[in-house]
Amino acid sequence: EFIHYDSDEELVCNSCRGELEERGGP
């Protein structure tokens, strides 16, 4: 799974991913 990622945004934890989605982020 990891080898398909190439940015910090793709590797954030579920908690941070939820916060980004709430703000309309990446």
PDB file of all heavy atoms in Angstrom:
ATOM      1  N   GLU A   1       0.837  -1.192   0.000  1.00  0.00           N
ATOM      2  CA  GLU A   1       0.000   0.000   0.000  1.00  0.00           C
ATOM      3  C   GLU A   1       0.879   1.253   0.000  1.00  0.00           C
ATOM      4  O   GLU A   1       0.648   2.184  -0.774  1.00  0.00           O
ATOM      5  CB  GLU A   1      -0.900  -0.011   1.233  1.00  0.00           C
ATOM      6  CG  GLU A   1      -1.825   1.169   1.350  1.00  0.00           C
ATOM      7  CD  GLU A   1      -2.661   1.152   2.623  1.00  0.00           C
ATOM      8  OE1 GLU A   1      -2.440   0.301   3.507  1.00  0.00           O
ATOM      9  OE2 GLU A   1      -3.534   2.022   2.730  1.00  0.00           O
ATOM     10  N   PHE A   2       1.898   1.270   0.849  1.00  0.00           N
ATOM     11  CA  PHE A   2       2.759   2.439   1.018  1.00  0.00           C
ATOM     12  C   PHE A   2       3.425   2.887  -0.289  1.00  0.00           C
ATOM     13  O   PHE A   2       3.519   4.079  -0.551  1.00  0.00           O
ATOM     14  CB  PHE A   2       3.827   2.143   2.075  1.00  0.00           C
ATOM     15  CG  PHE A   2       4.838   3.239   2.232  1.00  0.00           C
ATOM     16  CD1 PHE A   2       4.515   4.408   2.906  1.00  0.00           C
ATOM     17  CD2 PHE A   2       6.117   3.123   1.698  1.00  0.00           C
ATOM     18  CE1 PHE A   2       5.437   5.433   3.050  1.00  0.00           C
ATOM     19  CE2 PHE A   2       7.046   4.130   1.833  1.00  0.00           C
ATOM     20  CZ  PHE A   2       6.709   5.295   2.510  1.00  0.00           C
ATOM     21  N   ILE A   3       3.857   1.956  -1.100  1.00  0.00           N
ATOM     22  CA  ILE A   3       4.608   2.326  -2.308  1.00  0.00           C
ATOM     23  C   ILE A   3       3.784   3.112  -3.320  1.00  0.00           C
ATOM     24  O   ILE A   3       4.335   3.712  -4.231  1.00  0.00           O
ATOM     25  CB  ILE A   3       5.234   1.099  -3.007  1.00  0.00           C
ATOM     26  CG1 ILE A   3       4.139   0.122  -3.398  1.00  0.00           C
ATOM     27  CG2 ILE A   3       6.305   0.465  -2.136  1.00  0.00           C
ATOM     28  CD1 ILE A   3       4.580  -0.924  -4.381  1.00  0.00           C
ATOM     29  N   HIS A   4       2.469   3.158  -3.152  1.00  0.00           N
ATOM     30  CA  HIS A   4       1.618   3.920  -4.064  1.00  0.00           C
ATOM     31  C   HIS A   4       1.433   5.360  -3.596  1.00  0.00           C
ATOM     32  O   HIS A   4       0.861   6.176  -4.313  1.00  0.00           O
ATOM     33  CB  HIS A   4       0.271   3.224  -4.242  1.00  0.00           C
ATOM     34  CG  HIS A   4       0.409   1.892  -4.897  1.00  0.00           C
ATOM     35  ND1 HIS A   4       0.692   1.739  -6.238  1.00  0.00           N
ATOM     36  CD2 HIS A   4       0.369   0.640  -4.386  1.00  0.00           C
ATOM     37  CE1 HIS A   4       0.789   0.460  -6.537  1.00  0.00           C
ATOM     38  NE2 HIS A   4       0.601  -0.231  -5.418  1.00  0.00           N
ATOM     39  N   TYR A   5       1.929   5.687  -2.407  1.00  0.00           N
ATOM     40  CA  TYR A   5       1.797   7.035  -1.867  1.00  0.00           C
ATOM     41  C   TYR A   5       3.053   7.845  -2.166  1.00  0.00           C
ATOM     42  O   TYR A   5       4.164   7.325  -2.153  1.00  0.00           O
ATOM     43  CB  TYR A   5       1.576   6.993  -0.352  1.00  0.00           C
ATOM     44  CG  TYR A   5       0.298   6.290   0.055  1.00  0.00           C
ATOM     45  CD1 TYR A   5       0.298   5.355   1.066  1.00  0.00           C
ATOM     46  CD2 TYR A   5      -0.901   6.576  -0.581  1.00  0.00           C
ATOM     47  CE1 TYR A   5      -0.874   4.713   1.449  1.00  0.00           C
ATOM     48  CE2 TYR A   5      -2.069   5.941  -0.213  1.00  0.00           C
ATOM     49  CZ  TYR A   5      -2.050   5.012   0.805  1.00  0.00           C
ATOM     50  OH  TYR A   5      -3.202   4.382   1.175  1.00  0.00           O
ATOM     51  N   ASP A   6       2.813   9.159  -2.394  1.00  0.00           N
ATOM     52  CA  ASP A   6       3.967  10.007  -2.705  1.00  0.00           C
ATOM     53  C   ASP A   6       3.860  11.397  -2.082  1.00  0.00           C
ATOM     54  O   ASP A   6       4.570  12.305  -2.476  1.00  0.00           O
ATOM     55  CB  ASP A   6       4.158  10.119  -4.225  1.00  0.00           C
ATOM     56  CG  ASP A   6       2.895  10.534  -4.959  1.00  0.00           C
ATOM     57  OD1 ASP A   6       2.263  11.521  -4.540  1.00  0.00           O
ATOM     58  OD2 ASP A   6       2.538   9.862  -5.942  1.00  0.00           O
ATOM     59  N   SER A   7       2.966  11.555  -1.102  1.00  0.00           N
ATOM     60  CA  SER A   7       2.854  12.862  -0.438  1.00  0.00           C
ATOM     61  C   SER A   7       2.457  12.681   1.016  1.00  0.00           C
ATOM     62  O   SER A   7       1.862  11.669   1.390  1.00  0.00           O
ATOM     63  CB  SER A   7       1.820  13.741  -1.151  1.00  0.00           C
ATOM     64  OG  SER A   7       0.518  13.244  -0.935  1.00  0.00           O
ATOM     65  N   ASP A   8       2.764  13.683   1.814  1.00  0.00           N
ATOM     66  CA  ASP A   8       2.391  13.659   3.222  1.00  0.00           C
ATOM     67  C   ASP A   8       0.873  13.558   3.391  1.00  0.00           C
ATOM     68  O   ASP A   8       0.384  12.858   4.271  1.00  0.00           O
ATOM     69  CB  ASP A   8       2.879  14.925   3.933  1.00  0.00           C
ATOM     70  CG  ASP A   8       4.369  14.931   4.178  1.00  0.00           C
ATOM     71  OD1 ASP A   8       5.047  13.924   3.890  1.00  0.00           O
ATOM     72  OD2 ASP A   8       4.866  15.963   4.671  1.00  0.00           O
ATOM     73  N   GLU A   9       0.111  14.264   2.538  1.00  0.00           N
ATOM     74  CA  GLU A   9      -1.342  14.285   2.657  1.00  0.00           C
ATOM     75  C   GLU A   9      -1.947  12.892   2.548  1.00  0.00           C
ATOM     76  O   GLU A   9      -2.967  12.600   3.156  1.00  0.00           O
ATOM     77  CB  GLU A   9      -1.951  15.199   1.594  1.00  0.00           C
ATOM     78  CG  GLU A   9      -1.681  16.675   1.813  1.00  0.00           C
ATOM     79  CD  GLU A   9      -0.298  17.102   1.325  1.00  0.00           C
ATOM     80  OE1 GLU A   9       0.333  16.376   0.526  1.00  0.00           O
ATOM     81  OE2 GLU A   9       0.164  18.163   1.774  1.00  0.00           O
ATOM     82  N   GLU A  10      -1.324  12.020   1.782  1.00  0.00           N
ATOM     83  CA  GLU A  10      -1.834  10.661   1.612  1.00  0.00           C
ATOM     84  C   GLU A  10      -1.536   9.766   2.810  1.00  0.00           C
ATOM     85  O   GLU A  10      -2.121   8.702   2.946  1.00  0.00           O
ATOM     86  CB  GLU A  10      -1.234  10.020   0.355  1.00  0.00           C
ATOM     87  CG  GLU A  10      -1.642  10.714  -0.927  1.00  0.00           C
ATOM     88  CD  GLU A  10      -0.899  10.182  -2.127  1.00  0.00           C
ATOM     89  OE1 GLU A  10       0.342  10.093  -2.076  1.00  0.00           O
ATOM     90  OE2 GLU A  10      -1.570   9.856  -3.108  1.00  0.00           O
ATOM     91  N   LEU A  11      -0.645  10.199   3.674  1.00  0.00           N
ATOM     92  CA  LEU A  11      -0.187   9.363   4.783  1.00  0.00           C
ATOM     93  C   LEU A  11      -0.678   9.813   6.153  1.00  0.00           C
ATOM     94  O   LEU A  11      -0.242   9.292   7.163  1.00  0.00           O
ATOM     95  CB  LEU A  11       1.351   9.301   4.772  1.00  0.00           C
ATOM     96  CG  LEU A  11       1.939   8.605   3.548  1.00  0.00           C
ATOM     97  CD1 LEU A  11       3.444   8.838   3.473  1.00  0.00           C
ATOM     98  CD2 LEU A  11       1.626   7.123   3.579  1.00  0.00           C
ATOM     99  N   VAL A  12      -1.611  10.771   6.185  1.00  0.00           N
ATOM    100  CA  VAL A  12      -2.111  11.227   7.480  1.00  0.00           C
ATOM    101  C   VAL A  12      -2.981  10.155   8.126  1.00  0.00           C
ATOM    102  O   VAL A  12      -3.551   9.295   7.441  1.00  0.00           O
ATOM    103  CB  VAL A  12      -2.895  12.555   7.364  1.00  0.00           C
ATOM    104  CG1 VAL A  12      -1.990  13.688   6.924  1.00  0.00           C
ATOM    105  CG2 VAL A  12      -4.103  12.425   6.473  1.00  0.00           C
ATOM    106  N   CYS A  13      -3.072  10.198   9.446  1.00  0.00           N
ATOM    107  CA  CYS A  13      -3.892   9.237  10.190  1.00  0.00           C
ATOM    108  C   CYS A  13      -5.373   9.512   9.931  1.00  0.00           C
ATOM    109  O   CYS A  13      -5.746  10.549   9.376  1.00  0.00           O
ATOM    110  CB  CYS A  13      -3.570   9.318  11.679  1.00  0.00           C
ATOM    111  SG  CYS A  13      -4.066  10.864  12.469  1.00  0.00           S
ATOM    112  N   ASN A  14      -6.218   8.593  10.363  1.00  0.00           N
ATOM    113  CA  ASN A  14      -7.666   8.740  10.160  1.00  0.00           C
ATOM    114  C   ASN A  14      -8.214   9.992  10.828  1.00  0.00           C
ATOM    115  O   ASN A  14      -9.098  10.654  10.288  1.00  0.00           O
ATOM    116  CB  ASN A  14      -8.406   7.504  10.664  1.00  0.00           C
ATOM    117  CG  ASN A  14      -8.152   6.307   9.783  1.00  0.00           C
ATOM    118  OD1 ASN A  14      -7.798   6.435   8.616  1.00  0.00           O
ATOM    119  ND2 ASN A  14      -8.324   5.127  10.343  1.00  0.00           N
ATOM    120  N   SER A  15      -7.698  10.326  11.990  1.00  0.00           N
ATOM    121  CA  SER A  15      -8.159  11.514  12.699  1.00  0.00           C
ATOM    122  C   SER A  15      -7.850  12.782  11.891  1.00  0.00           C
ATOM    123  O   SER A  15      -8.726  13.628  11.696  1.00  0.00           O
ATOM    124  CB  SER A  15      -7.500  11.583  14.076  1.00  0.00           C
ATOM    125  OG  SER A  15      -7.893  12.745  14.752  1.00  0.00           O
ATOM    126  N   CYS A  16      -6.639  12.914  11.423  1.00  0.00           N
ATOM    127  CA  CYS A  16      -6.261  14.087  10.626  1.00  0.00           C
ATOM    128  C   CYS A  16      -6.985  14.082   9.284  1.00  0.00           C
ATOM    129  O   CYS A  16      -7.375  15.135   8.784  1.00  0.00           O
ATOM    130  CB  CYS A  16      -4.753  14.132  10.410  1.00  0.00           C
ATOM    131  SG  CYS A  16      -3.831  14.572  11.894  1.00  0.00           S
ATOM    132  N   ARG A  17      -7.184  12.924   8.699  1.00  0.00           N
ATOM    133  CA  ARG A  17      -7.898  12.828   7.426  1.00  0.00           C
ATOM    134  C   ARG A  17      -9.323  13.357   7.615  1.00  0.00           C
ATOM    135  O   ARG A  17      -9.830  14.102   6.786  1.00  0.00           O
ATOM    136  CB  ARG A  17      -7.925  11.391   6.916  1.00  0.00           C
ATOM    137  CG  ARG A  17      -8.679  11.248   5.608  1.00  0.00           C
ATOM    138  CD  ARG A  17      -8.505   9.884   4.975  1.00  0.00           C
ATOM    139  NE  ARG A  17      -7.171   9.826   4.381  1.00  0.00           N
ATOM    140  CZ  ARG A  17      -6.203   9.002   4.769  1.00  0.00           C
ATOM    141  NH1 ARG A  17      -6.401   8.131   5.713  1.00  0.00           N
ATOM    142  NH2 ARG A  17      -5.027   9.024   4.184  1.00  0.00           N
ATOM    143  N   GLY A  18      -9.964  13.007   8.728  1.00  0.00           N
ATOM    144  CA  GLY A  18     -11.306  13.511   9.011  1.00  0.00           C
ATOM    145  C   GLY A  18     -11.330  15.020   9.147  1.00  0.00           C
ATOM    146  O   GLY A  18     -12.221  15.687   8.633  1.00  0.00           O
ATOM    147  N   GLU A  19     -10.332  15.584   9.816  1.00  0.00           N
ATOM    148  CA  GLU A  19     -10.250  17.031   9.973  1.00  0.00           C
ATOM    149  C   GLU A  19     -10.067  17.714   8.624  1.00  0.00           C
ATOM    150  O   GLU A  19     -10.669  18.740   8.348  1.00  0.00           O
ATOM    151  CB  GLU A  19      -9.097  17.403  10.906  1.00  0.00           C
ATOM    152  CG  GLU A  19      -9.337  17.026  12.351  1.00  0.00           C
ATOM    153  CD  GLU A  19      -8.112  17.250  13.229  1.00  0.00           C
ATOM    154  OE1 GLU A  19      -7.164  17.927  12.775  1.00  0.00           O
ATOM    155  OE2 GLU A  19      -8.112  16.748  14.365  1.00  0.00           O
ATOM    156  N   LEU A  20      -9.238  17.132   7.754  1.00  0.00           N
ATOM    157  CA  LEU A  20      -9.030  17.705   6.432  1.00  0.00           C
ATOM    158  C   LEU A  20     -10.320  17.671   5.619  1.00  0.00           C
ATOM    159  O   LEU A  20     -10.657  18.632   4.924  1.00  0.00           O
ATOM    160  CB  LEU A  20      -7.933  16.941   5.681  1.00  0.00           C
ATOM    161  CG  LEU A  20      -6.501  17.196   6.132  1.00  0.00           C
ATOM    162  CD1 LEU A  20      -5.559  16.207   5.464  1.00  0.00           C
ATOM    163  CD2 LEU A  20      -6.088  18.620   5.797  1.00  0.00           C
ATOM    164  N   GLU A  21     -11.050  16.571   5.709  1.00  0.00           N
ATOM    165  CA  GLU A  21     -12.312  16.455   4.970  1.00  0.00           C
ATOM    166  C   GLU A  21     -13.336  17.454   5.479  1.00  0.00           C
ATOM    167  O   GLU A  21     -14.062  18.060   4.686  1.00  0.00           O
ATOM    168  CB  GLU A  21     -12.850  15.038   5.076  1.00  0.00           C
ATOM    169  CG  GLU A  21     -12.031  14.041   4.278  1.00  0.00           C
ATOM    170  CD  GLU A  21     -12.419  12.581   4.511  1.00  0.00           C
ATOM    171  OE1 GLU A  21     -13.270  12.322   5.389  1.00  0.00           O
ATOM    172  OE2 GLU A  21     -11.857  11.724   3.806  1.00  0.00           O
ATOM    173  N   GLU A  22     -13.384  17.663   6.788  1.00  0.00           N
ATOM    174  CA  GLU A  22     -14.309  18.626   7.366  1.00  0.00           C
ATOM    175  C   GLU A  22     -14.017  20.030   6.872  1.00  0.00           C
ATOM    176  O   GLU A  22     -14.928  20.831   6.654  1.00  0.00           O
ATOM    177  CB  GLU A  22     -14.254  18.588   8.889  1.00  0.00           C
ATOM    178  CG  GLU A  22     -14.885  17.358   9.490  1.00  0.00           C
ATOM    179  CD  GLU A  22     -14.660  17.257  10.994  1.00  0.00           C
ATOM    180  OE1 GLU A  22     -14.246  18.270  11.607  1.00  0.00           O
ATOM    181  OE2 GLU A  22     -14.880  16.161  11.538  1.00  0.00           O
ATOM    182  N   ARG A  23     -12.743  20.357   6.658  1.00  0.00           N
ATOM    183  CA  ARG A  23     -12.347  21.687   6.182  1.00  0.00           C
ATOM    184  C   ARG A  23     -12.392  21.779   4.660  1.00  0.00           C
ATOM    185  O   ARG A  23     -12.097  22.811   4.092  1.00  0.00           O
ATOM    186  CB  ARG A  23     -10.939  22.025   6.660  1.00  0.00           C
ATOM    187  CG  ARG A  23     -10.822  22.194   8.160  1.00  0.00           C
ATOM    188  CD  ARG A  23      -9.481  22.793   8.542  1.00  0.00           C
ATOM    189  NE  ARG A  23      -8.365  22.187   7.868  1.00  0.00           N
ATOM    190  CZ  ARG A  23      -7.426  21.430   8.430  1.00  0.00           C
ATOM    191  NH1 ARG A  23      -7.486  21.190   9.714  1.00  0.00           N
ATOM    192  NH2 ARG A  23      -6.437  20.947   7.731  1.00  0.00           N
ATOM    193  N   GLY A  24     -12.704  20.656   3.987  1.00  0.00           N
ATOM    194  CA  GLY A  24     -12.734  20.681   2.519  1.00  0.00           C
ATOM    195  C   GLY A  24     -11.331  20.634   1.935  1.00  0.00           C
ATOM    196  O   GLY A  24     -11.104  21.113   0.835  1.00  0.00           O
ATOM    197  N   GLY A  25     -10.370  20.028   2.680  1.00  0.00           N
ATOM    198  CA  GLY A  25      -8.981  19.946   2.225  1.00  0.00           C
ATOM    199  C   GLY A  25      -8.790  18.888   1.174  1.00  0.00           C
ATOM    200  O   GLY A  25      -9.739  18.439   0.536  1.00  0.00           O
ATOM    201  N   PRO A  26      -7.549  18.447   0.976  1.00  0.00           N
ATOM    202  CA  PRO A  26      -7.199  17.529  -0.106  1.00  0.00           C
ATOM    203  C   PRO A  26      -8.001  16.240  -0.135  1.00  0.00           C
ATOM    204  O   PRO A  26      -8.183  15.660  -1.189  1.00  0.00           O
ATOM    205  CB  PRO A  26      -5.722  17.211   0.154  1.00  0.00           C
ATOM    206  CG  PRO A  26      -5.222  18.291   1.030  1.00  0.00           C
ATOM    207  CD  PRO A  26      -6.412  18.800   1.791  1.00  0.00           C
TER     208      PRO A  26
END
